[in-house]
Protein backbone atom coordinates (compact mmCIF):
# COMPACT_ATOMS: atom_id res chain seq x y z
CA MET A 1 -21.87 -3.88 19.97
CA SER A 2 -23.53 -1.28 22.17
CA ASP A 3 -25.21 1.76 20.66
CA LEU A 4 -22.63 4.01 22.34
CA SER A 5 -19.61 2.22 20.87
CA LYS A 6 -17.73 3.58 17.88
CA VAL A 7 -18.21 1.87 14.52
CA PRO A 8 -14.84 0.65 13.20
CA VAL A 9 -13.75 1.78 9.75
CA THR A 10 -11.09 0.12 7.60
CA ILE A 11 -9.43 2.27 4.94
CA VAL A 12 -8.31 0.21 1.94
CA THR A 13 -5.70 2.02 -0.10
CA GLY A 14 -3.28 0.97 -2.83
CA PHE A 15 -2.07 1.86 -6.25
CA LEU A 16 -4.13 1.40 -9.40
CA GLY A 17 -4.99 -2.24 -10.00
CA ALA A 18 -3.53 -3.49 -6.73
CA GLY A 19 -6.70 -5.49 -6.04
CA LYS A 20 -8.73 -3.29 -3.65
CA THR A 21 -12.12 -4.10 -5.21
CA THR A 22 -11.29 -7.81 -5.35
CA LEU A 23 -10.39 -7.78 -1.65
CA ILE A 24 -13.57 -5.95 -0.62
CA SER A 25 -15.69 -8.30 -2.75
CA HIS A 26 -14.16 -11.19 -0.82
CA LEU A 27 -14.83 -9.49 2.51
CA ILE A 28 -18.47 -8.85 1.58
CA ARG A 29 -18.95 -12.54 0.86
CA ASN A 30 -17.02 -13.69 3.94
CA ALA A 31 -17.97 -11.14 6.58
CA GLY A 32 -18.36 -13.70 9.36
CA GLY A 33 -21.75 -12.34 10.40
CA ARG A 34 -20.70 -8.68 10.40
CA ARG A 35 -23.08 -6.15 8.88
CA LEU A 36 -20.84 -4.27 6.46
CA ALA A 37 -21.12 -0.97 4.66
CA VAL A 38 -18.80 0.14 1.86
CA VAL A 39 -17.77 3.56 0.55
CA VAL A 40 -16.08 3.53 -2.86
CA ASN A 41 -14.19 6.62 -4.03
CA GLU A 42 -13.69 6.46 -7.80
CA PHE A 43 -11.24 8.52 -9.83
CA GLY A 44 -13.07 9.72 -12.91
CA THR A 45 -16.76 9.58 -13.73
CA LEU A 46 -17.25 5.90 -14.62
CA GLY A 47 -18.37 3.97 -11.54
CA VAL A 48 -16.93 0.57 -12.35
CA ASP A 49 -15.77 -0.43 -8.87
CA GLY A 50 -19.03 0.55 -7.19
CA ASP A 51 -21.01 -1.42 -9.77
CA ILE A 52 -18.83 -4.49 -9.23
CA LEU A 53 -19.29 -4.35 -5.46
CA GLN A 54 -23.04 -3.82 -5.66
CA SER A 55 -23.26 -6.98 -7.75
CA CYS A 56 -21.70 -8.80 -4.75
CA ALA A 57 -24.31 -7.52 -2.28
CA ILE A 58 -25.64 -10.04 0.26
CA PRO A 59 -28.12 -9.67 3.18
CA ASP A 60 -25.36 -8.59 5.59
CA CYS A 61 -24.18 -6.00 3.05
CA PRO A 62 -27.19 -5.04 0.90
CA ALA A 63 -26.87 -2.74 -2.09
CA GLU A 64 -28.04 0.29 -0.09
CA ASN A 65 -25.01 -0.19 2.20
CA ILE A 66 -22.64 0.32 -0.76
CA VAL A 67 -22.11 3.98 -1.62
CA GLU A 68 -20.05 5.37 -4.46
CA LEU A 69 -18.50 8.84 -4.34
CA ALA A 70 -17.31 9.96 -7.77
CA ASN A 71 -17.12 13.74 -7.24
CA GLY A 72 -13.39 13.77 -6.57
CA CYS A 73 -11.13 12.64 -3.76
CA ILE A 74 -13.19 12.26 -0.57
CA CYS A 75 -10.51 13.95 1.51
CA CYS A 76 -10.96 17.03 -0.71
CA THR A 77 -14.77 17.03 -0.40
CA VAL A 78 -15.12 16.17 3.29
CA ALA A 79 -17.99 18.49 4.18
CA ASP A 80 -19.97 18.00 0.96
CA ASP A 81 -19.59 14.26 0.41
CA PHE A 82 -17.68 12.27 3.00
CA ILE A 83 -19.31 13.42 6.26
CA PRO A 84 -22.92 13.21 4.95
CA THR A 85 -22.19 9.75 3.54
CA VAL A 86 -20.82 8.45 6.84
CA GLU A 87 -23.75 9.96 8.75
CA ARG A 88 -26.19 8.31 6.33
CA LEU A 89 -24.53 4.92 6.83
CA LEU A 90 -24.54 5.32 10.62
CA ALA A 91 -28.28 6.05 10.47
CA LEU A 92 -29.06 2.77 8.73
CA GLU A 93 -31.21 0.28 10.58
CA PRO A 94 -29.65 -2.03 11.48
CA ARG A 95 -26.47 0.01 11.90
CA PRO A 96 -23.37 -1.40 10.17
CA ASP A 97 -20.92 -3.29 12.36
CA HIS A 98 -17.99 -2.26 10.17
CA ILE A 99 -17.43 0.25 7.34
CA LEU A 100 -14.94 -0.32 4.52
CA ILE A 101 -13.62 2.65 2.55
CA GLU A 102 -12.00 1.91 -0.81
CA THR A 103 -9.94 4.93 -1.82
CA SER A 104 -9.10 5.76 -5.41
CA GLY A 105 -5.78 4.39 -6.61
CA LEU A 106 -4.29 7.87 -6.55
CA ALA A 107 -5.43 8.84 -3.07
CA LEU A 108 -3.08 9.90 -0.32
CA PRO A 109 -4.41 8.21 2.83
CA LYS A 110 -3.19 10.68 5.46
CA PRO A 111 -5.54 13.56 4.50
CA LEU A 112 -8.44 11.10 4.62
CA LEU A 113 -7.28 9.96 8.05
CA LYS A 114 -7.41 13.57 9.22
CA ALA A 115 -11.04 13.79 8.09
CA PHE A 116 -11.96 11.51 11.00
CA GLU A 117 -11.14 14.39 13.34
CA TRP A 118 -14.30 16.22 12.19
CA PRO A 119 -16.60 16.83 15.20
CA ALA A 120 -19.65 15.43 13.40
CA ILE A 121 -18.22 11.92 13.32
CA ARG A 122 -15.17 11.64 15.58
CA SER A 123 -17.18 10.42 18.57
CA ARG A 124 -19.07 7.86 16.48
CA ILE A 125 -16.45 6.07 14.35
CA THR A 126 -12.84 4.99 14.67
CA VAL A 127 -10.28 3.92 12.08
CA ASP A 128 -9.78 0.24 12.86
CA GLY A 129 -6.83 0.17 10.46
CA VAL A 130 -5.34 1.34 7.20
CA LEU A 131 -4.58 -1.43 4.70
CA ALA A 132 -2.12 -0.72 1.89
CA LEU A 133 -2.42 -3.12 -1.02
CA ALA A 134 0.65 -3.51 -3.19
CA ASP A 135 1.00 -5.53 -6.39
CA ALA A 136 3.82 -7.92 -5.47
CA GLU A 137 5.04 -8.31 -9.03
CA ALA A 138 5.17 -4.55 -9.62
CA VAL A 139 6.89 -3.82 -6.33
CA ALA A 140 9.47 -6.53 -7.00
CA ALA A 141 10.25 -4.81 -10.29
CA GLY A 142 11.05 -1.62 -8.36
CA ARG A 143 8.51 0.53 -10.15
CA PHE A 144 7.37 2.47 -7.09
CA ALA A 145 10.38 2.26 -4.81
CA PRO A 146 13.31 3.89 -6.66
CA ASP A 147 16.90 3.43 -5.54
CA LEU A 148 17.82 6.80 -3.98
CA ALA A 149 21.50 6.41 -4.85
CA ALA A 150 20.62 5.70 -8.48
CA VAL A 151 18.27 8.69 -8.53
CA ASP A 152 21.04 10.93 -7.18
CA ALA A 153 23.41 9.62 -9.82
CA GLN A 154 20.85 10.35 -12.53
CA ARG A 155 20.33 13.86 -11.18
CA GLN A 156 24.05 14.56 -11.39
CA ALA A 157 24.20 13.21 -14.92
CA ASP A 158 21.03 14.97 -16.09
CA PRO A 159 19.69 17.91 -14.04
CA SER A 160 16.34 17.70 -15.89
CA ILE A 161 15.48 14.40 -14.18
CA ASP A 162 13.13 14.86 -11.22
CA HIS A 163 14.31 13.41 -7.92
CA GLU A 164 10.91 11.86 -7.33
CA THR A 165 7.96 10.83 -9.45
CA PRO A 166 4.28 11.32 -8.52
CA LEU A 167 3.69 7.56 -8.61
CA SER A 168 6.42 6.74 -6.14
CA GLU A 169 5.25 9.48 -3.78
CA VAL A 170 1.76 7.98 -3.76
CA PHE A 171 3.19 4.51 -3.12
CA GLU A 172 5.45 5.69 -0.29
CA ASP A 173 2.69 7.71 1.37
CA GLN A 174 0.40 4.68 1.30
CA LEU A 175 3.06 2.51 2.93
CA ALA A 176 3.82 5.17 5.54
CA CYS A 177 0.17 5.37 6.60
CA ALA A 178 -0.49 1.63 6.69
CA ASP A 179 -1.14 -0.58 9.70
CA MET A 180 -0.75 -3.63 7.46
CA VAL A 181 0.52 -4.19 3.91
CA LEU A 182 -1.20 -6.78 1.73
CA LEU A 183 1.00 -8.13 -1.07
CA THR A 184 -1.47 -9.02 -3.79
CA LYS A 185 -1.15 -11.32 -6.82
CA ALA A 186 1.42 -13.38 -4.98
CA ASP A 187 0.91 -16.20 -7.47
CA LEU A 188 2.21 -14.02 -10.30
CA ALA A 189 5.25 -12.77 -8.41
CA GLY A 190 6.53 -16.17 -7.28
CA PRO A 191 8.78 -16.79 -4.26
CA GLU A 192 11.67 -14.65 -5.55
CA GLY A 193 9.36 -11.79 -6.42
CA ILE A 194 7.67 -11.97 -3.02
CA ALA A 195 11.05 -11.86 -1.27
CA ALA A 196 12.13 -8.86 -3.36
CA ALA A 197 8.84 -7.04 -2.72
CA ARG A 198 9.09 -7.64 1.02
CA ALA A 199 12.62 -6.25 1.06
CA ILE A 200 11.54 -3.09 -0.81
CA ILE A 201 8.56 -2.53 1.47
CA ALA A 202 10.73 -2.98 4.57
CA ALA A 203 13.20 -0.44 3.21
CA GLU A 204 10.51 2.12 2.32
CA SER A 205 8.26 1.78 5.39
CA PRO A 206 9.05 4.24 8.20
CA ARG A 207 7.92 1.69 10.79
CA VAL A 208 7.60 -2.07 10.97
CA VAL A 209 4.17 -3.30 9.90
CA PRO A 210 2.88 -6.81 9.13
CA VAL A 211 3.03 -7.92 5.50
CA VAL A 212 0.49 -10.52 4.35
CA GLU A 213 0.53 -12.28 0.98
CA LEU A 214 -2.69 -13.04 -0.86
CA THR A 215 -4.00 -14.14 -4.23
CA ASP A 216 -7.36 -13.16 -5.76
CA GLY A 217 -8.20 -11.10 -2.66
CA VAL A 218 -8.60 -14.19 -0.47
CA VAL A 219 -7.64 -13.58 3.16
CA ASP A 220 -9.18 -14.50 6.51
CA PRO A 221 -11.17 -11.42 7.60
CA ARG A 222 -9.99 -12.01 11.16
CA VAL A 223 -6.48 -11.11 10.03
CA ILE A 224 -7.30 -7.67 8.62
CA LEU A 225 -10.48 -6.58 10.46
CA GLY A 226 -10.47 -5.86 14.18
CA LEU A 227 -6.97 -4.34 14.28
CA GLU A 228 -8.22 -1.66 16.72
CA ALA A 229 -5.46 0.69 15.57
CA ALA A 230 -7.45 3.90 16.32
CA ALA A 231 -5.37 5.35 13.50
CA GLU A 232 -7.03 8.76 13.75
CA ASN A 233 -5.18 9.20 17.07
CA ASP A 234 -1.84 8.19 15.56
CA VAL A 235 -1.60 10.57 12.60
CA ALA A 236 1.74 12.08 13.66
CA ALA A 237 3.43 8.67 13.42
CA ARG A 238 2.47 8.36 9.75
CA PRO A 239 4.80 10.66 7.77
CA SER A 240 3.85 11.96 4.33
CA HIS A 241 5.63 13.74 1.49
CA HIS A 242 2.88 16.34 1.83
CA ASP A 243 3.17 17.08 5.55
CA GLY A 244 2.92 20.78 6.23
CA GLU A 245 0.80 21.48 3.17
CA ASP A 246 -2.73 22.76 3.57
CA ASP A 247 -4.04 20.44 0.91
CA HIS A 248 -2.87 17.98 -1.70
CA GLU A 249 -3.23 17.91 -5.43
CA HIS A 250 -4.26 15.24 -7.91
CA ASP A 251 -3.29 17.38 -10.86
CA ASP A 252 -0.53 14.94 -11.78
CA PHE A 253 -3.21 12.56 -13.08
CA ASP A 254 -6.24 12.77 -15.29
CA SER A 255 -8.79 10.47 -16.85
CA THR A 256 -10.78 10.35 -20.04
CA VAL A 257 -13.95 8.37 -20.75
CA VAL A 258 -14.37 6.73 -24.14
CA THR A 259 -17.80 5.56 -25.30
CA LEU A 260 -18.04 3.25 -28.31
CA GLY A 261 -20.63 1.03 -29.90
CA GLU A 262 -20.57 -2.75 -29.87
CA ILE A 263 -17.19 -4.45 -30.32
CA ALA A 264 -17.00 -7.38 -32.73
CA ASP A 265 -13.58 -8.71 -31.62
CA PRO A 266 -12.75 -8.32 -27.89
CA ASP A 267 -9.30 -9.86 -28.41
CA ASP A 268 -8.47 -7.03 -30.81
CA LEU A 269 -9.61 -4.53 -28.17
CA VAL A 270 -7.25 -6.15 -25.65
CA VAL A 271 -4.37 -5.68 -28.10
CA ARG A 272 -5.26 -2.00 -28.48
CA ILE A 273 -5.38 -1.52 -24.69
CA GLU A 274 -1.96 -3.16 -24.37
CA ALA A 275 -0.65 -0.76 -27.00
CA LEU A 276 -2.02 2.22 -25.04
CA ALA A 277 0.17 1.31 -22.09
CA ARG A 278 3.29 0.98 -24.25
CA GLU A 279 2.78 3.89 -26.62
CA GLN A 280 0.80 6.47 -24.61
CA HIS A 281 1.83 5.57 -21.05
CA VAL A 282 -1.75 4.90 -19.93
CA LEU A 283 -1.69 3.48 -16.40
CA ARG A 284 -5.15 1.99 -16.19
CA VAL A 285 -8.13 1.15 -18.39
CA LYS A 286 -11.36 -0.18 -16.93
CA GLY A 287 -14.96 -0.40 -17.97
CA TYR A 288 -17.57 -2.46 -19.79
CA VAL A 289 -17.73 -3.73 -23.37
CA ALA A 290 -20.76 -4.61 -25.45
CA VAL A 291 -19.67 -7.56 -27.60
CA THR A 292 -21.63 -8.17 -30.79
CA GLY A 293 -23.88 -11.20 -30.47
CA LYS A 294 -23.18 -11.75 -26.75
CA PRO A 295 -26.00 -11.43 -24.19
CA MET A 296 -23.55 -10.60 -21.38
CA ARG A 297 -21.38 -7.52 -20.94
CA LEU A 298 -17.59 -7.88 -20.82
CA LEU A 299 -15.76 -6.38 -17.84
CA ILE A 300 -12.30 -4.98 -18.68
CA GLN A 301 -9.66 -4.31 -16.00
CA ALA A 302 -6.20 -3.30 -17.25
CA VAL A 303 -3.13 -2.26 -15.29
CA GLY A 304 -0.48 -1.12 -17.71
CA SER A 305 -0.20 -3.77 -20.40
CA ARG A 306 -1.72 -6.48 -18.19
CA VAL A 307 -5.35 -6.86 -19.28
CA ARG A 308 -7.94 -9.05 -17.59
CA HIS A 309 -11.46 -9.50 -18.91
CA GLN A 310 -14.51 -11.60 -18.10
CA TYR A 311 -18.24 -11.59 -18.74
CA ASP A 312 -19.78 -10.41 -15.47
CA ARG A 313 -23.55 -10.25 -16.04
CA ALA A 314 -26.28 -10.16 -18.66
CA TRP A 315 -27.37 -6.85 -20.12
CA LYS A 316 -30.53 -5.70 -18.36
CA PRO A 317 -33.78 -5.24 -20.31
CA GLY A 318 -33.79 -1.76 -21.80
CA GLU A 319 -30.15 -1.17 -20.86
CA ARG A 320 -28.20 0.57 -23.60
CA ARG A 321 -25.68 -1.79 -25.16
CA GLU A 322 -22.55 0.29 -25.55
CA THR A 323 -18.87 0.13 -24.68
CA THR A 324 -17.70 2.55 -21.99
CA LEU A 325 -14.07 2.66 -20.89
CA VAL A 326 -12.12 5.04 -18.65
CA ALA A 327 -8.38 5.54 -19.19
CA ILE A 328 -6.19 7.01 -16.43
CA ALA A 329 -2.70 8.40 -16.99
CA GLU A 330 -0.36 11.07 -15.76
CA ARG A 331 -1.71 14.38 -17.01
CA ALA A 332 1.15 14.90 -19.46
CA HIS A 333 0.13 11.71 -21.27
CA VAL A 334 -3.65 12.20 -21.42
CA ASP A 335 -4.65 12.97 -24.99
CA PRO A 336 -8.40 12.20 -25.22
CA ILE A 337 -8.45 12.27 -29.02
CA ALA A 338 -5.47 9.93 -29.36
CA ILE A 339 -6.77 7.58 -26.66
CA ARG A 340 -10.20 7.36 -28.28
CA ALA A 341 -8.66 6.75 -31.70
CA ALA A 342 -6.47 3.98 -30.29
CA LEU A 343 -9.41 2.23 -28.58
CA ALA A 344 -11.73 2.64 -31.53
CA GLY A 345 -9.18 1.08 -33.87
């Protein structure tokens, strides 16, 4: 790549728990000789995703090439965070061949796409493509693609019912901005679930885009990198619920961080996290757990009542052994005291 060429950027978007970090971890390990850089935009103050990715660092994507932005949505802090971060990555020696941007699960991709019009960077980088990750099992269940006729019927029966939910707007905006949709966790959805998810995506997408199935983030990088979409020049073809607005809000969602001591029974903690989803409508719980008597920390990743956990690395010498979890929910359901009480048991 010549020094005058633009560095391609891939925006990886998708709802909470769709598998963005898993996909990027796979790409880091299977970059095919590309020098990668990664920008992770977390929602909340606990940098779980950035920590996971930095643990995957390899010579072609060293730790210093992985940057975490946790000061809010990057499309809302363009001048203060996003532009300086991109400029810092472009100044690296050697310069990255490709930059991956993992948005927060609540991000609307179109405002971020517009950030690439900024004079400081528009001549130096191009959006190679926007990838929308969608949990196949969740999409098949119709959670983020409501039946408009059914919604209209509900509105007529009960005027207090909103015609649209914040979650479905996020999902639809991500689909509308995508150059490719990746249906994740295909193994859990099964053939019927995959077929149902594909039908829903086709119905909700304003234009025809490729849909690729994957499990555990495994996909040939040649399929999703090098799309050459120049998406920053194609913004008008990517409709959004928020078109015409000067900005966008994330006030529909909030997070709370819970810090606890060591946990004696991780299985009991899993049960409590499952209960949070059912009883307090918590969308996501993620973080690290210090388990009594265990030399390794336990990584927790929960989407609704589906909880996954694994020991990811040993506690470092001098590192404080404590449990730190972040819970994300729609603002109306965030009660920090109740959430902490539920997790503490």
